[in-house]
PDB file of N, CA and C in Angstrom:
ATOM      1  N   MET A   1     -22.749  49.923 -10.985  1.00  0.00           N
ATOM      2  CA  MET A   1     -22.863  51.315 -10.604  1.00  0.00           C
ATOM      3  C   MET A   1     -22.362  52.179 -11.757  1.00  0.00           C
ATOM      4  N   LEU A   2     -23.015  53.281 -11.957  1.00  0.00           N
ATOM      5  CA  LEU A   2     -22.634  54.213 -13.005  1.00  0.00           C
ATOM      6  C   LEU A   2     -21.339  54.929 -12.620  1.00  0.00           C
ATOM      7  N   SER A   3     -20.515  55.210 -13.598  1.00  0.00           N
ATOM      8  CA  SER A   3     -19.242  55.887 -13.325  1.00  0.00           C
ATOM      9  C   SER A   3     -19.503  57.303 -12.799  1.00  0.00           C
ATOM     10  N   GLN A   4     -18.511  57.821 -12.097  1.00  0.00           N
ATOM     11  CA  GLN A   4     -18.633  59.180 -11.565  1.00  0.00           C
ATOM     12  C   GLN A   4     -18.752  60.201 -12.690  1.00  0.00           C
ATOM     13  N   GLU A   5     -18.090  59.915 -13.814  1.00  0.00           N
ATOM     14  CA  GLU A   5     -18.153  60.842 -14.943  1.00  0.00           C
ATOM     15  C   GLU A   5     -19.583  60.928 -15.496  1.00  0.00           C
ATOM     16  N   LYS A   6     -20.225  59.768 -15.599  1.00  0.00           N
ATOM     17  CA  LYS A   6     -21.598  59.769 -16.123  1.00  0.00           C
ATOM     18  C   LYS A   6     -22.556  60.428 -15.142  1.00  0.00           C
ATOM     19  N   MET A   7     -22.366  60.165 -13.837  1.00  0.00           N
ATOM     20  CA  MET A   7     -23.217  60.815 -12.841  1.00  0.00           C
ATOM     21  C   MET A   7     -23.024  62.325 -12.871  1.00  0.00           C
ATOM     22  N   ALA A   8     -21.778  62.763 -13.018  1.00  0.00           N
ATOM     23  CA  ALA A   8     -21.502  64.200 -13.096  1.00  0.00           C
ATOM     24  C   ALA A   8     -22.162  64.794 -14.337  1.00  0.00           C
ATOM     25  N   ARG A   9     -22.127  64.055 -15.437  1.00  0.00           N
ATOM     26  CA  ARG A   9     -22.743  64.545 -16.679  1.00  0.00           C
ATOM     27  C   ARG A   9     -24.260  64.642 -16.526  1.00  0.00           C
ATOM     28  N   ILE A  10     -24.870  63.648 -15.899  1.00  0.00           N
ATOM     29  CA  ILE A  10     -26.318  63.684 -15.647  1.00  0.00           C
ATOM     30  C   ILE A  10     -26.657  64.926 -14.836  1.00  0.00           C
ATOM     31  N   ASN A  11     -25.903  65.163 -13.777  1.00  0.00           N
ATOM     32  CA  ASN A  11     -26.165  66.322 -12.909  1.00  0.00           C
ATOM     33  C   ASN A  11     -25.937  67.641 -13.652  1.00  0.00           C
ATOM     34  N   HIS A  12     -24.892  67.679 -14.474  1.00  0.00           N
ATOM     35  CA  HIS A  12     -24.613  68.893 -15.242  1.00  0.00           C
ATOM     36  C   HIS A  12     -25.762  69.198 -16.210  1.00  0.00           C
ATOM     37  N   LEU A  13     -26.208  68.172 -16.929  1.00  0.00           N
ATOM     38  CA  LEU A  13     -27.295  68.386 -17.890  1.00  0.00           C
ATOM     39  C   LEU A  13     -28.590  68.785 -17.188  1.00  0.00           C
ATOM     40  N   SER A  14     -28.843  68.205 -16.035  1.00  0.00           N
ATOM     41  CA  SER A  14     -30.046  68.558 -15.283  1.00  0.00           C
ATOM     42  C   SER A  14     -30.008  70.022 -14.860  1.00  0.00           C
ATOM     43  N   LYS A  15     -28.865  70.432 -14.334  1.00  0.00           N
ATOM     44  CA  LYS A  15     -28.719  71.826 -13.899  1.00  0.00           C
ATOM     45  C   LYS A  15     -28.841  72.779 -15.090  1.00  0.00           C
ATOM     46  N   LYS A  16     -28.197  72.424 -16.188  1.00  0.00           N
ATOM     47  CA  LYS A  16     -28.243  73.277 -17.378  1.00  0.00           C
ATOM     48  C   LYS A  16     -29.668  73.371 -17.927  1.00  0.00           C
ATOM     49  N   ALA A  17     -30.395  72.258 -17.891  1.00  0.00           N
ATOM     50  CA  ALA A  17     -31.777  72.254 -18.381  1.00  0.00           C
ATOM     51  C   ALA A  17     -32.644  73.223 -17.588  1.00  0.00           C
ATOM     52  N   LYS A  18     -32.410  73.279 -16.283  1.00  0.00           N
ATOM     53  CA  LYS A  18     -33.191  74.178 -15.430  1.00  0.00           C
ATOM     54  C   LYS A  18     -32.800  75.637 -15.629  1.00  0.00           C
ATOM     55  N   GLU A  19     -31.512  75.870 -15.881  1.00  0.00           N
ATOM     56  CA  GLU A  19     -31.024  77.246 -15.960  1.00  0.00           C
ATOM     57  C   GLU A  19     -31.211  77.881 -17.337  1.00  0.00           C
ATOM     58  N   ILE A  20     -30.728  77.198 -18.391  1.00  0.00           N
ATOM     59  CA  ILE A  20     -30.776  77.829 -19.717  1.00  0.00           C
ATOM     60  C   ILE A  20     -31.386  76.948 -20.799  1.00  0.00           C
ATOM     61  N   GLY A  21     -31.624  75.701 -20.480  1.00  0.00           N
ATOM     62  CA  GLY A  21     -32.192  74.794 -21.474  1.00  0.00           C
ATOM     63  C   GLY A  21     -31.118  73.978 -22.175  1.00  0.00           C
ATOM     64  N   LEU A  22     -31.560  72.960 -22.865  1.00  0.00           N
ATOM     65  CA  LEU A  22     -30.650  72.041 -23.552  1.00  0.00           C
ATOM     66  C   LEU A  22     -30.881  72.062 -25.054  1.00  0.00           C
ATOM     67  N   THR A  23     -29.821  71.757 -25.785  1.00  0.00           N
ATOM     68  CA  THR A  23     -29.964  71.578 -27.228  1.00  0.00           C
ATOM     69  C   THR A  23     -30.609  70.210 -27.461  1.00  0.00           C
ATOM     70  N   GLU A  24     -31.041  69.962 -28.671  1.00  0.00           N
ATOM     71  CA  GLU A  24     -31.658  68.669 -28.990  1.00  0.00           C
ATOM     72  C   GLU A  24     -30.662  67.530 -28.767  1.00  0.00           C
ATOM     73  N   GLU A  25     -29.408  67.764 -29.102  1.00  0.00           N
ATOM     74  CA  GLU A  25     -28.364  66.751 -28.903  1.00  0.00           C
ATOM     75  C   GLU A  25     -28.190  66.449 -27.410  1.00  0.00           C
ATOM     76  N   GLU A  26     -28.190  67.491 -26.603  1.00  0.00           N
ATOM     77  CA  GLU A  26     -28.045  67.310 -25.152  1.00  0.00           C
ATOM     78  C   GLU A  26     -29.270  66.606 -24.567  1.00  0.00           C
ATOM     79  N   LYS A  27     -30.441  66.923 -25.095  1.00  0.00           N
ATOM     80  CA  LYS A  27     -31.656  66.255 -24.623  1.00  0.00           C
ATOM     81  C   LYS A  27     -31.603  64.756 -24.898  1.00  0.00           C
ATOM     82  N   SER A  28     -31.132  64.378 -26.078  1.00  0.00           N
ATOM     83  CA  SER A  28     -31.051  62.953 -26.394  1.00  0.00           C
ATOM     84  C   SER A  28     -29.967  62.286 -25.545  1.00  0.00           C
ATOM     85  N   GLU A  29     -28.854  62.964 -25.296  1.00  0.00           N
ATOM     86  CA  GLU A  29     -27.807  62.427 -24.426  1.00  0.00           C
ATOM     87  C   GLU A  29     -28.349  62.230 -23.011  1.00  0.00           C
ATOM     88  N   GLN A  30     -29.105  63.217 -22.530  1.00  0.00           N
ATOM     89  CA  GLN A  30     -29.685  63.142 -21.197  1.00  0.00           C
ATOM     90  C   GLN A  30     -30.641  61.955 -21.092  1.00  0.00           C
ATOM     91  N   LYS A  31     -31.434  61.761 -22.124  1.00  0.00           N
ATOM     92  CA  LYS A  31     -32.389  60.648 -22.129  1.00  0.00           C
ATOM     93  C   LYS A  31     -31.654  59.308 -22.071  1.00  0.00           C
ATOM     94  N   LEU A  32     -30.599  59.154 -22.864  1.00  0.00           N
ATOM     95  CA  LEU A  32     -29.821  57.910 -22.865  1.00  0.00           C
ATOM     96  C   LEU A  32     -29.157  57.668 -21.511  1.00  0.00           C
ATOM     97  N   LEU A  33     -28.615  58.731 -20.918  1.00  0.00           N
ATOM     98  CA  LEU A  33     -27.987  58.589 -19.605  1.00  0.00           C
ATOM     99  C   LEU A  33     -29.009  58.213 -18.538  1.00  0.00           C
ATOM    100  N   ARG A  34     -30.192  58.771 -18.619  1.00  0.00           N
ATOM    101  CA  ARG A  34     -31.238  58.439 -17.651  1.00  0.00           C
ATOM    102  C   ARG A  34     -31.661  56.983 -17.789  1.00  0.00           C
ATOM    103  N   VAL A  35     -31.791  56.512 -19.018  1.00  0.00           N
ATOM    104  CA  VAL A  35     -32.158  55.110 -19.251  1.00  0.00           C
ATOM    105  C   VAL A  35     -31.095  54.192 -18.652  1.00  0.00           C
ATOM    106  N   GLU A  36     -29.838  54.511 -18.884  1.00  0.00           N
ATOM    107  CA  GLU A  36     -28.740  53.705 -18.342  1.00  0.00           C
ATOM    108  C   GLU A  36     -28.748  53.744 -16.812  1.00  0.00           C
ATOM    109  N   TYR A  37     -29.008  54.920 -16.235  1.00  0.00           N
ATOM    110  CA  TYR A  37     -29.057  55.064 -14.783  1.00  0.00           C
ATOM    111  C   TYR A  37     -30.171  54.200 -14.194  1.00  0.00           C
ATOM    112  N   ILE A  38     -31.339  54.263 -14.783  1.00  0.00           N
ATOM    113  CA  ILE A  38     -32.480  53.492 -14.279  1.00  0.00           C
ATOM    114  C   ILE A  38     -32.220  51.995 -14.401  1.00  0.00           C
ATOM    115  N   LYS A  39     -31.637  51.578 -15.513  1.00  0.00           N
ATOM    116  CA  LYS A  39     -31.312  50.166 -15.698  1.00  0.00           C
ATOM    117  C   LYS A  39     -30.337  49.698 -14.621  1.00  0.00           C
ATOM    118  N   THR A  40     -29.327  50.487 -14.352  1.00  0.00           N
ATOM    119  CA  THR A  40     -28.341  50.159 -13.324  1.00  0.00           C
ATOM    120  C   THR A  40     -28.986  50.118 -11.946  1.00  0.00           C
ATOM    121  N   PHE A  41     -29.811  51.102 -11.651  1.00  0.00           N
ATOM    122  CA  PHE A  41     -30.494  51.169 -10.352  1.00  0.00           C
ATOM    123  C   PHE A  41     -31.369  49.944 -10.138  1.00  0.00           C
ATOM    124  N   ARG A  42     -32.148  49.584 -11.140  1.00  0.00           N
ATOM    125  CA  ARG A  42     -33.025  48.418 -11.018  1.00  0.00           C
ATOM    126  C   ARG A  42     -32.226  47.136 -10.816  1.00  0.00           C
ATOM    127  N   GLY A  43     -31.130  47.001 -11.536  1.00  0.00           N
ATOM    128  CA  GLY A  43     -30.284  45.823 -11.379  1.00  0.00           C
ATOM    129  C   GLY A  43     -29.730  45.714  -9.967  1.00  0.00           C
ATOM    130  N   GLN A  44     -29.295  46.834  -9.417  1.00  0.00           N
ATOM    131  CA  GLN A  44     -28.783  46.846  -8.049  1.00  0.00           C
ATOM    132  C   GLN A  44     -29.883  46.516  -7.047  1.00  0.00           C
ATOM    133  N   MET A  45     -31.083  47.016  -7.297  1.00  0.00           N
ATOM    134  CA  MET A  45     -32.197  46.752  -6.396  1.00  0.00           C
ATOM    135  C   MET A  45     -32.557  45.268  -6.409  1.00  0.00           C
ATOM    136  N   VAL A  46     -32.559  44.654  -7.571  1.00  0.00           N
ATOM    137  CA  VAL A  46     -32.856  43.223  -7.677  1.00  0.00           C
ATOM    138  C   VAL A  46     -31.803  42.423  -6.906  1.00  0.00           C
ATOM    139  N   GLU A  47     -30.533  42.779  -7.081  1.00  0.00           N
ATOM    140  CA  GLU A  47     -29.464  42.086  -6.352  1.00  0.00           C
ATOM    141  C   GLU A  47     -29.651  42.242  -4.842  1.00  0.00           C
ATOM    142  N   HIS A  48     -30.044  43.417  -4.421  1.00  0.00           N
ATOM    143  CA  HIS A  48     -30.287  43.661  -3.000  1.00  0.00           C
ATOM    144  C   HIS A  48     -31.437  42.792  -2.497  1.00  0.00           C
ATOM    145  N   LEU A  49     -32.514  42.732  -3.254  1.00  0.00           N
ATOM    146  CA  LEU A  49     -33.662  41.919  -2.856  1.00  0.00           C
ATOM    147  C   LEU A  49     -33.311  40.437  -2.808  1.00  0.00           C
ATOM    148  N   HIS A  50     -32.466  39.988  -3.711  1.00  0.00           N
ATOM    149  CA  HIS A  50     -32.072  38.580  -3.726  1.00  0.00           C
ATOM    150  C   HIS A  50     -31.240  38.210  -2.497  1.00  0.00           C
ATOM    151  N   ALA A  51     -30.680  39.191  -1.830  1.00  0.00           N
ATOM    152  CA  ALA A  51     -29.887  38.930  -0.628  1.00  0.00           C
ATOM    153  C   ALA A  51     -30.755  38.861   0.631  1.00  0.00           C
ATOM    154  N   ILE A  52     -32.047  39.122   0.484  1.00  0.00           N
ATOM    155  CA  ILE A  52     -32.942  39.168   1.639  1.00  0.00           C
ATOM    156  C   ILE A  52     -33.590  37.806   1.878  1.00  0.00           C
ATOM    157  N   LYS A  53     -33.646  37.429   3.149  1.00  0.00           N
ATOM    158  CA  LYS A  53     -34.362  36.229   3.565  1.00  0.00           C
ATOM    159  C   LYS A  53     -35.293  36.660   4.686  1.00  0.00           C
ATOM    160  N   VAL A  54     -36.580  36.372   4.566  1.00  0.00           N
ATOM    161  CA  VAL A  54     -37.565  36.778   5.563  1.00  0.00           C
ATOM    162  C   VAL A  54     -37.803  35.599   6.508  1.00  0.00           C
ATOM    163  N   VAL A  55     -37.644  35.871   7.804  1.00  0.00           N
ATOM    164  CA  VAL A  55     -37.807  34.829   8.819  1.00  0.00           C
ATOM    165  C   VAL A  55     -38.831  35.293   9.844  1.00  0.00           C
ATOM    166  N   ASP A  56     -39.779  34.398  10.194  1.00  0.00           N
ATOM    167  CA  ASP A  56     -40.776  34.746  11.202  1.00  0.00           C
ATOM    168  C   ASP A  56     -40.174  34.583  12.602  1.00  0.00           C
ATOM    169  N   PRO A  57     -40.907  34.971  13.649  1.00  0.00           N
ATOM    170  CA  PRO A  57     -40.364  34.883  15.018  1.00  0.00           C
ATOM    171  C   PRO A  57     -39.966  33.460  15.441  1.00  0.00           C
ATOM    172  N   ASN A  58     -40.523  32.452  14.798  1.00  0.00           N
ATOM    173  CA  ASN A  58     -40.192  31.067  15.138  1.00  0.00           C
ATOM    174  C   ASN A  58     -38.971  30.556  14.380  1.00  0.00           C
ATOM    175  N   GLY A  59     -38.401  31.390  13.520  1.00  0.00           N
ATOM    176  CA  GLY A  59     -37.225  30.989  12.760  1.00  0.00           C
ATOM    177  C   GLY A  59     -37.532  30.323  11.436  1.00  0.00           C
ATOM    178  N   ASN A  60     -38.798  30.318  11.040  1.00  0.00           N
ATOM    179  CA  ASN A  60     -39.186  29.713   9.767  1.00  0.00           C
ATOM    180  C   ASN A  60     -38.968  30.686   8.615  1.00  0.00           C
ATOM    181  N   ASP A  61     -38.476  30.165   7.514  1.00  0.00           N
ATOM    182  CA  ASP A  61     -38.274  30.985   6.315  1.00  0.00           C
ATOM    183  C   ASP A  61     -39.638  31.280   5.702  1.00  0.00           C
ATOM    184  N   VAL A  62     -40.009  32.537   5.682  1.00  0.00           N
ATOM    185  CA  VAL A  62     -41.298  32.951   5.115  1.00  0.00           C
ATOM    186  C   VAL A  62     -41.081  33.935   3.960  1.00  0.00           C
ATOM    187  N   THR A  63     -39.961  33.754   3.272  1.00  0.00           N
ATOM    188  CA  THR A  63     -39.658  34.597   2.125  1.00  0.00           C
ATOM    189  C   THR A  63     -40.784  34.442   1.102  1.00  0.00           C
ATOM    190  N   PRO A  64     -41.309  35.548   0.583  1.00  0.00           N
ATOM    191  CA  PRO A  64     -42.399  35.448  -0.396  1.00  0.00           C
ATOM    192  C   PRO A  64     -42.027  34.539  -1.572  1.00  0.00           C
ATOM    193  N   LYS A  65     -43.017  33.797  -2.046  1.00  0.00           N
ATOM    194  CA  LYS A  65     -42.818  32.820  -3.114  1.00  0.00           C
ATOM    195  C   LYS A  65     -42.219  33.469  -4.370  1.00  0.00           C
ATOM    196  N   LYS A  66     -42.714  34.635  -4.719  1.00  0.00           N
ATOM    197  CA  LYS A  66     -42.236  35.315  -5.923  1.00  0.00           C
ATOM    198  C   LYS A  66     -40.740  35.650  -5.804  1.00  0.00           C
ATOM    199  N   LEU A  67     -40.306  36.059  -4.627  1.00  0.00           N
ATOM    200  CA  LEU A  67     -38.890  36.371  -4.415  1.00  0.00           C
ATOM    201  C   LEU A  67     -38.052  35.099  -4.479  1.00  0.00           C
ATOM    202  N   ARG A  68     -38.522  34.011  -3.876  1.00  0.00           N
ATOM    203  CA  ARG A  68     -37.790  32.735  -3.934  1.00  0.00           C
ATOM    204  C   ARG A  68     -37.652  32.264  -5.379  1.00  0.00           C
ATOM    205  N   GLN A  69     -38.731  32.385  -6.168  1.00  0.00           N
ATOM    206  CA  GLN A  69     -38.685  31.983  -7.569  1.00  0.00           C
ATOM    207  C   GLN A  69     -37.684  32.827  -8.346  1.00  0.00           C
ATOM    208  N   SER A  70     -37.664  34.119  -8.072  1.00  0.00           N
ATOM    209  CA  SER A  70     -36.732  35.016  -8.746  1.00  0.00           C
ATOM    210  C   SER A  70     -35.289  34.647  -8.404  1.00  0.00           C
ATOM    211  N   LYS A  71     -35.034  34.331  -7.126  1.00  0.00           N
ATOM    212  CA  LYS A  71     -33.698  33.903  -6.710  1.00  0.00           C
ATOM    213  C   LYS A  71     -33.295  32.616  -7.432  1.00  0.00           C
ATOM    214  N   ASP A  72     -34.228  31.663  -7.507  1.00  0.00           N
ATOM    215  CA  ASP A  72     -33.945  30.385  -8.167  1.00  0.00           C
ATOM    216  C   ASP A  72     -33.627  30.576  -9.643  1.00  0.00           C
ATOM    217  N   GLN A  73     -34.397  31.427 -10.307  1.00  0.00           N
ATOM    218  CA  GLN A  73     -34.152  31.701 -11.723  1.00  0.00           C
ATOM    219  C   GLN A  73     -32.778  32.339 -11.903  1.00  0.00           C
ATOM    220  N   ARG A  74     -32.423  33.221 -11.017  1.00  0.00           N
ATOM    221  CA  ARG A  74     -31.132  33.912 -11.090  1.00  0.00           C
ATOM    222  C   ARG A  74     -29.977  32.908 -10.931  1.00  0.00           C
ATOM    223  N   LYS A  75     -30.160  31.952  -9.999  1.00  0.00           N
ATOM    224  CA  LYS A  75     -29.137  30.933  -9.775  1.00  0.00           C
ATOM    225  C   LYS A  75     -28.942  30.081 -11.036  1.00  0.00           C
ATOM    226  N   LYS A  76     -30.031  29.753 -11.716  1.00  0.00           N
ATOM    227  CA  LYS A  76     -29.962  28.927 -12.923  1.00  0.00           C
ATOM    228  C   LYS A  76     -29.196  29.632 -14.045  1.00  0.00           C
ATOM    229  N   LEU A  77     -29.312  30.956 -14.099  1.00  0.00           N
ATOM    230  CA  LEU A  77     -28.647  31.730 -15.137  1.00  0.00           C
ATOM    231  C   LEU A  77     -27.143  31.841 -14.891  1.00  0.00           C
ATOM    232  N   HIS A  78     -26.740  31.747 -13.644  1.00  0.00           N
ATOM    233  CA  HIS A  78     -25.319  31.913 -13.319  1.00  0.00           C
ATOM    234  C   HIS A  78     -24.694  30.628 -12.993  1.00  0.00           C
TER     235      HIS A  78
END
């Protein structure tokens, strides 16, 4: 998860961009912070998906093959 300071900075730059605009330095900082935010978000989403197990009404594991493969690859890395 991104620190509160970085989230506050992202929000500050966004608000400033809408109100008065950003300098080139601020624009590049904003871009880097957005990239970091998206990377963090995607990582959290993958972890969330890896915690999911799909079961049909009969109790059979019907987790999609692609998700099972991703979980297996993740286990091998750790």
